[in-house]
Amino acid sequence: MKTLGWLFVFLGLLLLLREFQPSFLGWLRPYAPYIKDAFWGVTLIAFGLYLMAKNAVRKAVLVLYMIYLLLYLVV
C-alpha cells in the first residue's frame, strides 16, 4: 500500500507541474496521440502478461504498466 501511496503522490506532483509549468512536459507532446491511442492494447497485453507470469516478472509488468499509466494521465 505504501508503494501505491508514493505512486499517487508522484502522479499528483506531475499533474501540478503540468498545470503550473506546461513546458515541463513539452518534450512528450509529439508522442501524446500514440500514448493515448494505444491504451487498450497496452492494457490487454499487460493484463495477459501479468496473468501468465511468475512473481518477479509480475512486479516488472506492474511497474512498467504504472509508468505507462503515468504517461497516459500526464500527456
Protein backbone atom coordinates (compact mmCIF):
# COMPACT_ATOMS: atom_id res chain seq x y z
CA MET A 1 0.00 0.00 0.00
CA LYS A 2 2.90 2.30 0.68
CA THR A 3 4.07 1.98 -2.93
CA LEU A 4 0.62 2.88 -4.20
CA GLY A 5 0.68 5.95 -1.96
CA TRP A 6 4.02 7.03 -3.40
CA LEU A 7 2.67 6.49 -6.89
CA PHE A 8 -0.30 8.77 -6.20
CA VAL A 9 1.96 11.44 -4.70
CA PHE A 10 4.23 11.29 -7.76
CA LEU A 11 1.25 11.46 -10.10
CA GLY A 12 -0.15 14.44 -8.22
CA LEU A 13 3.17 16.25 -8.44
CA LEU A 14 3.39 15.60 -12.17
CA LEU A 15 -0.14 16.88 -12.69
CA LEU A 16 0.61 20.01 -10.67
CA LEU A 17 3.79 20.59 -12.64
CA ARG A 18 1.85 20.22 -15.86
CA GLU A 19 -0.70 22.76 -14.63
CA PHE A 20 1.74 25.40 -13.44
CA GLN A 21 4.68 24.71 -15.77
CA PRO A 22 3.33 23.29 -19.06
CA SER A 23 6.71 23.39 -20.78
CA PHE A 24 8.00 20.81 -18.28
CA LEU A 25 6.40 18.00 -20.30
CA GLY A 26 6.67 19.65 -23.69
CA TRP A 27 9.04 17.01 -25.00
CA LEU A 28 6.22 14.43 -24.66
CA ARG A 29 3.70 16.39 -26.75
CA PRO A 30 4.68 14.80 -30.11
CA TYR A 31 4.07 11.34 -28.62
CA ALA A 32 0.74 12.14 -26.93
CA PRO A 33 -1.52 10.72 -29.68
CA TYR A 34 0.44 7.47 -29.76
CA ILE A 35 0.29 7.10 -25.98
CA LYS A 36 -3.45 7.82 -25.90
CA ASP A 37 -4.38 5.62 -28.87
CA ALA A 38 -2.51 2.57 -27.60
CA PHE A 39 -4.25 2.47 -24.20
CA TRP A 40 -6.44 -0.62 -24.64
CA GLY A 41 -3.78 -2.59 -26.47
CA VAL A 42 -1.19 -1.91 -23.79
CA THR A 43 -3.72 -2.66 -21.06
CA LEU A 44 -4.68 -6.03 -22.53
CA ILE A 45 -1.07 -7.05 -23.15
CA ALA A 46 -0.05 -6.05 -19.62
CA PHE A 47 -3.00 -7.91 -18.11
CA GLY A 48 -2.21 -11.04 -20.12
CA LEU A 49 1.47 -10.94 -19.19
CA TYR A 50 0.54 -10.37 -15.55
CA LEU A 51 -1.69 -13.44 -15.52
CA MET A 52 0.88 -15.68 -17.22
CA ALA A 53 4.00 -14.60 -15.33
CA LYS A 54 5.58 -15.61 -12.06
CA ASN A 55 6.15 -13.27 -9.09
CA ALA A 56 9.29 -11.40 -10.19
CA VAL A 57 8.03 -10.87 -13.72
CA ARG A 58 4.62 -9.81 -12.38
CA LYS A 59 6.23 -6.98 -10.45
CA ALA A 60 8.14 -5.86 -13.53
CA VAL A 61 4.98 -5.90 -15.65
CA LEU A 62 3.14 -3.96 -12.95
CA VAL A 63 5.89 -1.33 -12.71
CA LEU A 64 6.04 -0.90 -16.49
CA TYR A 65 2.27 -0.59 -16.71
CA MET A 66 2.23 2.00 -13.93
CA ILE A 67 4.82 4.02 -15.85
CA TYR A 68 2.61 3.82 -18.94
CA LEU A 69 -0.42 4.94 -16.92
CA LEU A 70 1.53 7.90 -15.59
CA LEU A 71 2.41 8.89 -19.14
CA TYR A 72 -1.19 8.39 -20.23
CA LEU A 73 -2.57 10.60 -17.48
CA VAL A 74 0.04 13.33 -17.75
CA VAL A 75 0.12 13.84 -21.52
